[in-house]
N, C-alpha and C. Protein backbone atom coordinates (compact mmCIF):
# COMPACT_ATOMS: atom_id res chain seq x y z
N MET A 1 16.57 25.30 12.80
CA MET A 1 16.58 26.37 12.49
C MET A 1 17.76 25.43 12.01
N GLY A 2 18.84 25.93 13.51
CA GLY A 2 20.15 25.80 12.74
C GLY A 2 19.66 24.23 12.28
N HIS A 3 19.48 23.40 11.94
CA HIS A 3 19.34 21.86 11.82
C HIS A 3 19.08 22.46 9.26
N CYS A 4 17.73 23.18 8.96
CA CYS A 4 17.15 23.04 8.00
C CYS A 4 18.06 24.84 7.54
N SER A 5 19.36 25.39 8.07
CA SER A 5 20.20 25.77 7.98
C SER A 5 21.63 25.66 6.74
N THR A 6 22.04 24.09 7.66
CA THR A 6 22.25 23.30 7.71
C THR A 6 22.33 22.99 6.36
N LEU A 7 20.94 22.56 6.61
CA LEU A 7 20.76 21.11 4.84
C LEU A 7 20.30 21.92 4.17
N CYS A 8 19.92 24.25 4.10
CA CYS A 8 19.95 23.89 3.53
C CYS A 8 21.29 24.28 2.69
N HIS A 9 22.13 24.79 3.40
CA HIS A 9 23.65 24.74 3.36
C HIS A 9 24.12 24.05 2.14
N CYS A 10 23.61 22.67 2.60
CA CYS A 10 24.20 21.20 1.91
C CYS A 10 23.61 20.87 0.42
N ASN A 11 22.25 21.55 -0.30
CA ASN A 11 21.42 21.52 -0.20
C ASN A 11 22.44 22.55 -2.18
N THR A 12 23.23 23.80 -1.16
CA THR A 12 23.78 24.86 -2.67
C THR A 12 24.79 23.71 -2.46
N TRP A 13 26.52 23.48 -1.47
CA TRP A 13 27.24 22.74 -1.68
C TRP A 13 26.82 21.54 -2.82
N GLN A 14 25.97 21.16 -2.84
CA GLN A 14 25.55 19.81 -3.79
C GLN A 14 25.08 19.91 -5.44
N ARG A 15 25.02 21.73 -4.98
CA ARG A 15 24.48 22.18 -6.53
C ARG A 15 25.40 22.78 -7.00
N THR A 16 26.46 22.69 -5.99
CA THR A 16 27.65 23.79 -6.72
C THR A 16 28.89 22.23 -6.66
N ALA A 17 28.63 21.46 -6.41
CA ALA A 17 28.76 20.62 -6.57
C ALA A 17 29.46 19.47 -8.43
N ALA A 18 27.90 19.57 -8.75
CA ALA A 18 27.26 19.50 -9.85
C ALA A 18 27.64 20.70 -10.92
N HIS A 19 27.72 20.90 -10.37
CA HIS A 19 28.84 22.52 -11.73
C HIS A 19 30.18 22.32 -12.00
N CYS A 20 30.53 22.26 -10.37
CA CYS A 20 32.01 21.61 -10.50
C CYS A 20 32.86 20.51 -11.85
N ASN A 21 31.24 19.70 -11.74
CA ASN A 21 31.63 18.29 -12.20
C ASN A 21 31.85 18.75 -14.05
N GLU A 22 30.92 19.36 -14.50
CA GLU A 22 31.33 19.99 -15.76
C GLU A 22 32.79 21.36 -15.25
N LEU A 23 32.65 22.09 -14.37
CA LEU A 23 34.03 22.37 -14.80
C LEU A 23 35.04 21.62 -14.56
N HIS A 24 35.46 20.76 -14.07
CA HIS A 24 36.00 19.20 -13.82
C HIS A 24 36.29 18.98 -15.47
N HIS A 25 35.25 18.61 -16.54
CA HIS A 25 35.75 18.36 -17.23
C HIS A 25 36.19 18.83 -18.66
N THR A 26 35.44 20.15 -17.85
CA THR A 26 36.12 21.09 -19.62
C THR A 26 37.34 22.11 -19.28
N ALA A 27 37.77 20.80 -17.56
CA ALA A 27 39.68 21.35 -17.01
C ALA A 27 39.82 20.31 -17.37
N ALA A 28 39.68 19.46 -17.62
CA ALA A 28 40.53 18.65 -18.67
C ALA A 28 40.48 18.21 -20.49
N HIS A 29 39.65 18.92 -20.58
CA HIS A 29 39.50 19.67 -22.18
C HIS A 29 40.32 20.47 -21.69
N CYS A 30 40.31 21.40 -21.15
CA CYS A 30 41.58 23.27 -21.41
C CYS A 30 42.88 22.38 -20.83
N ASP A 31 43.78 20.94 -20.59
CA ASP A 31 44.80 20.53 -20.57
C ASP A 31 45.02 19.76 -21.66
N LYS A 32 43.79 18.90 -22.32
CA LYS A 32 45.17 19.10 -23.79
C LYS A 32 45.29 19.80 -24.56
N LEU A 33 44.39 21.32 -24.64
CA LEU A 33 44.46 22.22 -24.80
C LEU A 33 46.17 23.09 -25.40
N HIS A 34 46.26 22.95 -23.40
CA HIS A 34 46.95 23.74 -22.84
C HIS A 34 48.20 22.93 -23.50
N HIS A 35 48.43 21.26 -23.78
CA HIS A 35 48.88 20.66 -24.15
C HIS A 35 49.40 21.46 -25.88
N SER A 36 47.93 21.34 -26.08
CA SER A 36 48.52 22.07 -27.13
C SER A 36 48.64 22.80 -28.33
N VAL A 37 48.76 24.01 -27.05
CA VAL A 37 49.08 25.14 -26.32
C VAL A 37 50.62 25.46 -26.28
N LEU A 38 51.07 24.62 -25.53
CA LEU A 38 52.23 24.42 -25.61
C LEU A 38 53.42 24.71 -26.85
N LEU A 39 52.35 23.08 -27.04
CA LEU A 39 53.57 22.55 -28.94
C LEU A 39 53.63 23.63 -29.50
N VAL A 40 51.90 24.47 -30.01
CA VAL A 40 51.79 24.77 -31.09
C VAL A 40 52.59 26.71 -30.33
N TRP A 41 51.56 27.31 -29.24
CA TRP A 41 52.06 28.57 -28.85
C TRP A 41 51.87 29.30 -30.08
N VAL A 42 51.44 30.33 -30.90
CA VAL A 42 50.75 30.81 -32.42
C VAL A 42 50.43 31.77 -32.09
N THR A 43 49.59 31.59 -31.67
CA THR A 43 47.92 33.12 -31.30
C THR A 43 48.34 34.06 -30.26
N ALA A 44 47.96 34.27 -29.65
CA ALA A 44 47.75 34.87 -28.75
C ALA A 44 46.42 34.73 -28.29
N ALA A 45 45.44 34.13 -29.05
CA ALA A 45 44.19 33.73 -28.46
C ALA A 45 44.55 32.73 -27.66
N HIS A 46 45.57 31.30 -28.17
CA HIS A 46 45.95 30.16 -27.78
C HIS A 46 46.20 30.86 -26.50
N ARG A 47 47.33 31.58 -25.91
CA ARG A 47 47.98 32.21 -25.14
C ARG A 47 47.24 32.74 -23.73
N ILE A 48 45.80 33.70 -24.41
CA ILE A 48 44.45 33.48 -23.25
C ILE A 48 43.48 32.11 -23.15
N ALA A 49 43.44 30.69 -23.76
CA ALA A 49 42.75 29.83 -23.26
C ALA A 49 43.24 29.50 -22.63
N ALA A 50 44.98 29.25 -22.35
CA ALA A 50 46.12 28.07 -21.36
C ALA A 50 46.08 29.09 -20.39
N THR A 51 46.13 31.01 -20.50
CA THR A 51 45.82 31.62 -18.70
C THR A 51 44.58 30.99 -18.13
N HIS A 52 43.15 31.00 -19.56
CA HIS A 52 41.62 30.21 -18.49
C HIS A 52 41.57 28.64 -18.75
N CYS A 53 42.76 28.04 -19.36
CA CYS A 53 42.45 26.48 -18.23
C CYS A 53 43.27 25.96 -17.27
N ASN A 54 44.40 27.78 -16.64
CA ASN A 54 44.75 27.48 -15.54
C ASN A 54 44.04 27.33 -14.08
N THR A 55 42.84 28.96 -14.07
CA THR A 55 41.99 28.92 -13.36
C THR A 55 40.84 28.52 -13.51
N LEU A 56 40.94 27.37 -14.87
CA LEU A 56 40.20 26.14 -15.25
C LEU A 56 40.38 25.29 -13.52
N GLN A 57 41.40 24.68 -13.94
CA GLN A 57 42.34 24.02 -12.79
C GLN A 57 42.62 23.74 -11.62
N HIS A 58 42.18 25.41 -11.11
CA HIS A 58 42.15 26.18 -10.11
C HIS A 58 40.63 25.73 -9.88
N CYS A 59 39.69 25.98 -10.24
CA CYS A 59 38.48 25.77 -9.44
C CYS A 59 37.98 24.99 -10.16
N ALA A 60 38.64 23.12 -10.50
CA ALA A 60 37.94 21.96 -10.67
C ALA A 60 39.54 21.49 -9.17
N THR A 61 40.61 22.24 -8.52
CA THR A 61 40.69 21.32 -7.28
C THR A 61 39.36 21.94 -6.14
N HIS A 62 39.36 23.61 -6.72
CA HIS A 62 38.70 23.70 -5.46
C HIS A 62 36.56 22.51 -5.36
N CYS A 63 36.60 22.73 -6.72
CA CYS A 63 35.42 21.29 -7.21
C CYS A 63 35.48 20.40 -5.93
N ASN A 64 36.54 19.82 -6.17
CA ASN A 64 37.25 18.18 -5.31
C ASN A 64 36.81 18.06 -4.40
N THR A 65 38.03 20.05 -3.77
CA THR A 65 37.38 20.15 -2.09
C THR A 65 35.22 20.26 -2.36
N LEU A 66 35.02 20.58 -2.66
CA LEU A 66 33.73 21.11 -2.30
C LEU A 66 32.60 19.57 -2.56
N GLN A 67 33.35 18.87 -3.20
CA GLN A 67 32.56 16.94 -2.94
C GLN A 67 32.50 16.81 -2.21
N ARG A 68 34.41 16.90 -1.86
CA ARG A 68 34.75 16.05 -0.60
C ARG A 68 33.38 16.45 0.15
N THR A 69 32.82 17.43 0.87
CA THR A 69 31.88 18.45 1.32
C THR A 69 30.28 17.52 1.31
N ALA A 70 30.38 17.65 0.24
CA ALA A 70 28.84 17.46 -0.44
C ALA A 70 28.43 16.28 -0.02
N THR A 71 29.66 15.23 -0.19
CA THR A 71 29.71 13.44 0.41
C THR A 71 29.13 13.94 2.13
N HIS A 72 29.89 14.46 2.75
CA HIS A 72 29.94 14.78 3.99
C HIS A 72 28.72 15.21 3.97
N CYS A 73 28.09 15.61 3.90
CA CYS A 73 26.50 16.65 3.51
C CYS A 73 25.72 15.74 4.27
N ASN A 74 25.86 14.89 2.39
CA ASN A 74 25.08 13.86 2.46
C ASN A 74 24.87 12.36 3.93
N ILE A 75 25.99 12.70 3.90
CA ILE A 75 26.77 11.86 5.06
C ILE A 75 25.66 11.85 6.40
N LEU A 76 25.42 13.52 6.93
CA LEU A 76 24.74 14.52 8.06
C LEU A 76 23.49 14.43 7.29
N GLN A 77 22.92 14.93 6.27
CA GLN A 77 21.69 14.02 5.96
C GLN A 77 20.78 12.52 5.70
N HIS A 78 21.42 11.24 5.67
CA HIS A 78 21.16 10.31 6.18
C HIS A 78 21.11 10.36 8.13
N THR A 79 22.54 10.89 8.18
CA THR A 79 21.95 10.84 9.75
C THR A 79 20.92 11.74 10.23
N ALA A 80 21.13 12.16 9.51
CA ALA A 80 19.44 13.67 10.50
C ALA A 80 18.14 12.30 10.26
N THR A 81 17.98 12.27 9.08
CA THR A 81 16.30 11.51 8.63
C THR A 81 16.79 10.42 9.62
N HIS A 82 17.36 10.00 9.85
CA HIS A 82 18.07 8.36 10.65
C HIS A 82 17.38 9.08 12.47
N CYS A 83 17.58 10.61 12.15
CA CYS A 83 17.31 10.96 13.92
C CYS A 83 15.86 11.27 14.37
N ASN A 84 15.28 11.69 12.99
CA ASN A 84 13.79 11.97 13.18
C ASN A 84 12.82 10.72 13.18
N ALA A 85 12.96 9.71 11.80
CA ALA A 85 13.20 8.37 12.95
C ALA A 85 12.65 7.71 14.01
N LEU A 86 14.33 7.91 14.39
CA LEU A 86 14.49 8.25 16.07
C LEU A 86 13.18 8.52 17.56
N GLN A 87 13.78 9.67 16.40
CA GLN A 87 12.31 10.96 17.25
C GLN A 87 11.01 10.34 17.00
N HIS A 88 10.63 9.62 16.19
CA HIS A 88 8.97 8.86 15.37
C HIS A 88 9.08 7.60 16.43
N THR A 89 9.84 7.34 16.34
CA THR A 89 9.64 5.39 17.53
C THR A 89 9.92 5.93 19.26
N ALA A 90 10.01 7.41 19.39
CA ALA A 90 10.28 7.07 20.60
C ALA A 90 9.25 8.22 21.06
N THR A 91 8.37 8.83 20.26
CA THR A 91 6.95 9.43 20.23
C THR A 91 5.55 8.31 19.65
N CYS A 92 6.15 7.43 19.50
CA CYS A 92 5.18 5.11 19.46
C CYS A 92 5.15 5.05 20.39
N CYS A 93 6.95 4.79 21.27
CA CYS A 93 6.89 4.33 22.34
C CYS A 93 5.91 5.32 23.90
N ASN A 94 6.00 6.69 23.50
CA ASN A 94 5.55 6.83 24.56
C ASN A 94 3.68 6.79 24.84
N THR A 95 3.14 6.56 23.47
CA THR A 95 1.79 6.13 23.10
C THR A 95 2.25 5.19 22.92
N LEU A 96 2.56 4.49 23.33
CA LEU A 96 2.11 2.27 23.27
C LEU A 96 2.53 1.61 24.92
N GLN A 97 3.10 3.49 24.84
CA GLN A 97 3.33 3.40 27.05
C GLN A 97 1.26 3.78 27.53
N HIS A 98 1.09 4.17 27.30
CA HIS A 98 -0.12 5.35 27.64
C HIS A 98 -1.58 3.86 27.88
N THR A 99 -1.00 3.50 26.51
CA THR A 99 -1.83 2.44 25.79
C THR A 99 -2.35 1.50 26.32
N ALA A 100 -1.09 0.72 27.30
CA ALA A 100 -0.55 -0.20 28.11
C ALA A 100 -1.27 -0.25 29.25
N MET A 101 -0.79 1.39 29.93
CA MET A 101 -2.15 1.49 30.92
C MET A 101 -3.31 1.92 30.65
N HIS A 102 -3.93 2.21 30.15
CA HIS A 102 -4.90 2.36 28.90
C HIS A 102 -5.45 0.44 29.03
N CYS A 103 -4.94 -0.25 28.50
CA CYS A 103 -5.30 -1.82 28.54
C CYS A 103 -5.56 -2.00 29.36
N ASN A 104 -4.47 -2.06 30.55
CA ASN A 104 -4.80 -2.87 32.33
C ASN A 104 -6.59 -2.47 33.02
N THR A 105 -6.99 -1.32 32.05
CA THR A 105 -7.96 -0.41 32.73
C THR A 105 -9.18 -1.37 32.27
N LEU A 106 -8.85 -1.37 31.40
CA LEU A 106 -9.89 -2.55 30.19
C LEU A 106 -10.28 -3.85 30.54
N GLN A 107 -8.89 -4.09 30.81
CA GLN A 107 -8.59 -5.46 31.28
C GLN A 107 -9.28 -6.17 32.17
N HIS A 108 -9.20 -4.77 33.19
CA HIS A 108 -9.80 -5.15 34.02
C HIS A 108 -11.58 -5.39 34.31
N THR A 109 -11.61 -4.72 32.85
CA THR A 109 -13.68 -3.66 32.89
C THR A 109 -13.99 -5.14 32.09
N ALA A 110 -12.88 -5.91 31.72
CA ALA A 110 -13.22 -7.19 30.34
C ALA A 110 -13.63 -8.39 31.65
N THR A 111 -12.94 -7.84 32.78
CA THR A 111 -13.11 -8.84 33.67
C THR A 111 -14.96 -8.81 34.89
N HIS A 112 -14.83 -7.86 34.34
CA HIS A 112 -16.13 -7.34 35.17
C HIS A 112 -17.59 -8.08 34.20
N CYS A 113 -16.92 -7.14 33.37
CA CYS A 113 -18.00 -7.61 31.60
C CYS A 113 -18.31 -9.03 31.02
N ASN A 114 -17.09 -10.05 31.68
CA ASN A 114 -17.95 -11.35 31.67
C ASN A 114 -18.20 -12.10 32.96
N THR A 115 -18.43 -11.35 33.96
CA THR A 115 -18.90 -11.23 35.06
C THR A 115 -20.92 -11.48 34.27
N LEU A 116 -20.89 -10.10 33.82
CA LEU A 116 -22.04 -9.43 33.50
C LEU A 116 -22.31 -10.53 32.62
N GLN A 117 -21.86 -10.26 31.78
CA GLN A 117 -22.04 -11.49 30.62
C GLN A 117 -23.26 -12.94 30.89
N HIS A 118 -21.65 -13.80 31.58
CA HIS A 118 -22.96 -14.60 32.56
C HIS A 118 -24.13 -14.50 32.65
N THR A 119 -24.48 -13.28 33.44
CA THR A 119 -25.75 -13.07 34.13
C THR A 119 -26.51 -12.80 32.70
N ALA A 120 -26.05 -11.96 32.09
CA ALA A 120 -27.56 -12.07 31.57
C ALA A 120 -28.18 -13.26 30.48
N THR A 121 -26.34 -14.32 30.18
CA THR A 121 -26.71 -14.88 30.09
C THR A 121 -27.41 -15.87 30.91
N CYS A 122 -27.81 -15.84 32.26
CA CYS A 122 -28.63 -17.27 32.87
C CYS A 122 -30.00 -16.41 32.61
N CYS A 123 -30.56 -14.54 32.98
CA CYS A 123 -31.08 -14.23 32.48
C CYS A 123 -31.88 -14.59 31.31
N ASN A 124 -31.26 -14.24 30.10
CA ASN A 124 -32.07 -14.81 28.20
C ASN A 124 -32.50 -15.76 28.96
N THR A 125 -32.09 -16.79 29.22
CA THR A 125 -32.46 -18.42 29.51
C THR A 125 -33.41 -18.81 30.41
N LEU A 126 -34.37 -17.71 31.24
CA LEU A 126 -35.15 -17.27 32.15
C LEU A 126 -35.95 -16.63 31.07
N GLN A 127 -35.14 -15.84 31.10
CA GLN A 127 -36.12 -15.22 30.20
C GLN A 127 -37.13 -16.01 28.77
N HIS A 128 -36.55 -16.92 28.19
CA HIS A 128 -36.50 -17.95 27.08
C HIS A 128 -37.62 -19.49 27.87
N THR A 129 -37.61 -19.54 29.19
CA THR A 129 -37.96 -20.57 29.96
C THR A 129 -39.85 -19.33 30.62
N ALA A 130 -39.68 -18.84 30.71
CA ALA A 130 -40.42 -17.81 30.26
C ALA A 130 -42.24 -17.71 29.78
N THR A 131 -41.03 -17.60 28.04
CA THR A 131 -41.79 -17.46 26.93
C THR A 131 -42.61 -18.33 27.19
N HIS A 132 -41.86 -19.86 26.99
CA HIS A 132 -42.15 -20.89 26.69
C HIS A 132 -42.91 -21.06 27.60
N CYS A 133 -43.18 -20.40 29.27
CA CYS A 133 -44.63 -20.93 30.19
C CYS A 133 -45.64 -20.11 29.26
N ASN A 134 -45.48 -18.90 28.70
CA ASN A 134 -46.88 -18.20 28.18
C ASN A 134 -47.01 -18.60 27.41
N THR A 135 -46.79 -19.33 25.89
CA THR A 135 -47.34 -20.74 25.24
C THR A 135 -47.96 -21.41 25.46
N LEU A 136 -47.02 -22.11 26.76
CA LEU A 136 -47.51 -22.77 27.30
C LEU A 136 -49.15 -22.74 28.05
N GLN A 137 -49.52 -21.75 28.44
CA GLN A 137 -49.70 -20.93 29.84
C GLN A 137 -50.82 -20.77 28.45
N HIS A 138 -50.53 -20.64 27.12
CA HIS A 138 -51.93 -20.25 26.63
C HIS A 138 -53.25 -21.20 25.49
N ALA A 139 -51.74 -22.58 25.48
CA ALA A 139 -52.37 -24.05 24.59
C ALA A 139 -52.88 -24.38 25.76
N ALA A 140 -53.33 -24.12 26.82
CA ALA A 140 -53.85 -24.63 27.73
C ALA A 140 -54.97 -23.94 28.39
N THR A 141 -55.08 -23.08 28.15
CA THR A 141 -56.37 -22.08 27.30
C THR A 141 -57.53 -22.78 26.77
N HIS A 142 -56.17 -22.33 25.44
CA HIS A 142 -56.35 -23.08 24.14
C HIS A 142 -57.93 -24.77 24.44
N CYS A 143 -57.15 -25.28 25.52
CA CYS A 143 -57.24 -26.76 25.08
C CYS A 143 -59.08 -26.39 26.00
N ASN A 144 -58.83 -26.51 26.86
CA ASN A 144 -59.81 -26.61 27.42
C ASN A 144 -61.12 -25.22 27.22
N THR A 145 -61.45 -24.66 25.44
CA THR A 145 -61.43 -24.49 24.98
C THR A 145 -61.77 -25.38 23.75
N LEU A 146 -60.87 -26.01 23.26
CA LEU A 146 -61.63 -27.63 22.37
C LEU A 146 -62.01 -27.95 23.30
N GLN A 147 -61.65 -28.29 24.54
CA GLN A 147 -62.52 -29.62 25.41
C GLN A 147 -64.31 -29.47 25.59
N CYS A 148 -63.83 -28.00 25.88
CA CYS A 148 -65.61 -27.62 26.28
C CYS A 148 -66.39 -27.40 24.48
N THR A 149 -65.51 -28.14 23.27
CA THR A 149 -66.44 -27.41 21.96
C THR A 149 -66.52 -28.68 21.66
N ALA A 150 -65.42 -30.15 22.43
CA ALA A 150 -65.98 -30.91 21.72
C ALA A 150 -67.31 -31.99 23.12
N THR A 151 -67.11 -31.59 24.21
CA THR A 151 -68.52 -32.09 24.88
C THR A 151 -69.52 -32.03 24.23
N HIS A 152 -69.58 -29.81 23.22
CA HIS A 152 -70.23 -29.68 22.41
C HIS A 152 -70.85 -30.60 21.62
N CYS A 153 -70.22 -30.84 21.27
CA CYS A 153 -69.53 -32.31 19.77
C CYS A 153 -70.43 -32.91 20.13
N ASN A 154 -70.11 -33.93 21.21
CA ASN A 154 -70.91 -35.43 21.51
C ASN A 154 -71.88 -35.06 21.77
N MET A 155 -73.17 -34.00 21.91
CA MET A 155 -73.76 -33.84 22.14
C MET A 155 -73.66 -33.84 21.11
N LEU A 156 -73.99 -32.87 20.37
CA LEU A 156 -74.48 -32.09 18.41
C LEU A 156 -74.87 -34.22 18.39
N GLN A 157 -73.50 -35.02 18.10
CA GLN A 157 -73.47 -35.99 17.13
C GLN A 157 -74.59 -37.71 18.00
N HIS A 158 -75.07 -37.44 19.29
CA HIS A 158 -76.05 -37.97 20.03
C HIS A 158 -77.83 -37.71 19.28
N THR A 159 -77.54 -35.75 19.54
CA THR A 159 -78.67 -35.24 18.98
C THR A 159 -79.31 -35.86 17.59
N ALA A 160 -78.11 -35.85 16.36
CA ALA A 160 -77.88 -36.57 14.78
C ALA A 160 -78.23 -37.64 14.92
N THR A 161 -77.55 -38.17 15.83
CA THR A 161 -78.52 -39.64 15.71
C THR A 161 -79.88 -40.48 16.06
N HIS A 162 -80.21 -39.56 16.92
CA HIS A 162 -81.51 -39.15 16.96
C HIS A 162 -82.76 -38.88 15.93
N CYS A 163 -81.55 -38.04 15.61
CA CYS A 163 -82.36 -36.97 14.27
C CYS A 163 -83.06 -38.10 13.04
N ASN A 164 -82.35 -38.92 13.32
CA ASN A 164 -81.79 -40.02 12.63
C ASN A 164 -82.44 -41.35 12.69
N THR A 165 -82.96 -41.20 14.23
CA THR A 165 -83.79 -42.47 14.10
C THR A 165 -84.49 -42.17 13.91
N LEU A 166 -85.26 -40.81 14.20
CA LEU A 166 -86.29 -40.48 13.56
C LEU A 166 -87.27 -39.62 12.28
N GLN A 167 -86.24 -39.60 11.73
CA GLN A 167 -85.82 -39.60 10.55
C GLN A 167 -86.60 -41.29 9.82
N HIS A 168 -86.01 -42.05 10.35
CA HIS A 168 -85.89 -42.97 9.78
C HIS A 168 -87.79 -43.54 9.45
N THR A 169 -88.08 -42.87 10.82
CA THR A 169 -89.31 -43.39 11.78
C THR A 169 -90.21 -42.66 10.67
N ALA A 170 -90.42 -41.67 10.56
CA ALA A 170 -91.13 -40.62 9.21
C ALA A 170 -91.19 -41.31 8.43
N THR A 171 -90.15 -41.42 7.91
CA THR A 171 -89.81 -42.56 5.91
C THR A 171 -90.49 -43.58 5.69
N HIS A 172 -90.40 -44.53 7.51
CA HIS A 172 -91.32 -45.69 7.87
C HIS A 172 -93.57 -44.85 8.47
N CYS A 173 -93.14 -44.52 8.64
CA CYS A 173 -94.72 -43.43 9.31
C CYS A 173 -95.31 -43.77 7.96
N SER A 174 -94.44 -42.38 7.00
CA SER A 174 -95.21 -42.42 5.34
C SER A 174 -95.82 -43.65 4.27
N THR A 175 -94.51 -44.05 4.28
CA THR A 175 -94.66 -45.75 3.90
C THR A 175 -95.93 -46.68 4.78
N LEU A 176 -96.83 -46.15 5.40
CA LEU A 176 -97.37 -46.53 6.10
C LEU A 176 -98.95 -46.41 5.66
N GLN A 177 -98.71 -45.03 5.83
CA GLN A 177 -100.44 -44.02 5.42
C GLN A 177 -99.96 -43.95 4.78
N HIS A 178 -99.59 -44.35 2.68
CA HIS A 178 -99.47 -44.80 2.05
C HIS A 178 -100.12 -46.06 1.49
N THR A 179 -100.08 -46.73 2.11
CA THR A 179 -100.08 -47.89 2.56
C THR A 179 -101.24 -47.92 2.20
N ALA A 180 -101.90 -47.39 4.06
CA ALA A 180 -103.80 -47.06 4.34
C ALA A 180 -104.70 -46.53 3.79
N ILE A 181 -104.06 -45.91 3.07
CA ILE A 181 -105.37 -45.29 2.08
C ILE A 181 -105.25 -45.85 0.98
N ASP A 182 -104.47 -46.44 0.40
CA ASP A 182 -104.84 -47.51 -0.62
C ASP A 182 -105.00 -48.66 -0.07
N SER A 183 -104.98 -49.81 1.18
CA SER A 183 -106.69 -50.14 1.20
C SER A 183 -107.50 -49.79 1.79
N ASN A 184 -107.69 -48.51 1.79
CA ASN A 184 -109.29 -48.09 2.01
C ASN A 184 -109.83 -47.98 0.35
N ARG A 185 -109.14 -47.81 0.05
CA ARG A 185 -109.35 -47.27 -1.00
C ARG A 185 -110.01 -48.56 -1.89
N LEU A 186 -108.75 -49.97 -2.05
CA LEU A 186 -109.05 -51.35 -2.40
C LEU A 186 -110.21 -51.98 -1.66
N GLN A 187 -110.34 -51.46 -0.01
CA GLN A 187 -111.67 -51.58 0.57
C GLN A 187 -113.45 -50.98 0.36
N GLN A 188 -112.85 -49.99 -0.59
CA GLN A 188 -113.95 -48.80 -1.21
C GLN A 188 -114.20 -49.73 -2.37
N THR A 189 -113.47 -50.21 -3.32
CA THR A 189 -114.31 -50.10 -3.81
C THR A 189 -114.67 -51.77 -4.12
N ALA A 190 -114.52 -52.75 -2.38
CA ALA A 190 -114.69 -53.97 -2.90
C ALA A 190 -115.87 -53.63 -1.76
N THR A 191 -116.33 -52.64 -1.57
CA THR A 191 -118.19 -52.44 -0.75
C THR A 191 -118.88 -52.36 -1.91
N ASP A 192 -118.63 -51.01 -2.56
CA ASP A 192 -119.63 -51.11 -4.20
C ASP A 192 -119.46 -52.52 -4.48
C-alpha cells in the first residue's frame, strides 16, 4: 500500500515536472519581456507583465526542485521494479527446490522402472518365442494333413496308372472284336 502510494505520488510529481518544464520555458520568454520592460517601461500592461514574470521565475525555481524530485522518483521506481524481479526470482528458487526434491523421488522411481523395463523386454521375447512355437505347431499339424493327402494321392496315382492299362486293354479288345466280326463276315462269304 505504501509502495503504491509512493509510486502514485511520484507519477504526480512527474506530471508536475513536465508542466514545470513548460513554465520554465515561459519564464525564459518572460526574461526577454522583462528586459524589454526595463528598457521601455511605457505602459502599465508591461509592469503587470513584469510582475507576472517574477512570479513565473519563482515557479521555475520551484520546478527545478520538483524535477530533481522526479528524477529521484524514477530511481525509486527502477529500484522497485528490480525488487519485484528479485521477489519473482526468490519464488522461482523455492519452486526449483521443491522440484529438485520431486526429481530425487522420480530418479528412484526411474531406476525401478528400468528394472521393470528389462523384465518386460524378457517377457516380450518369451511371448514372441511362444507365438513362434504356436506357428510351428500349426505348421506341423498342417504337414501331417499334407502327408496324409500325399499318401492318398500316391494311391490315386497308382489307381490311375492301373486304369490307363485297363483302358489300353479295352481299346485293344475293341480292335480284336472288330477284327473278329470282319473275319466272321469273310468266312460266311467264303462259305456262300
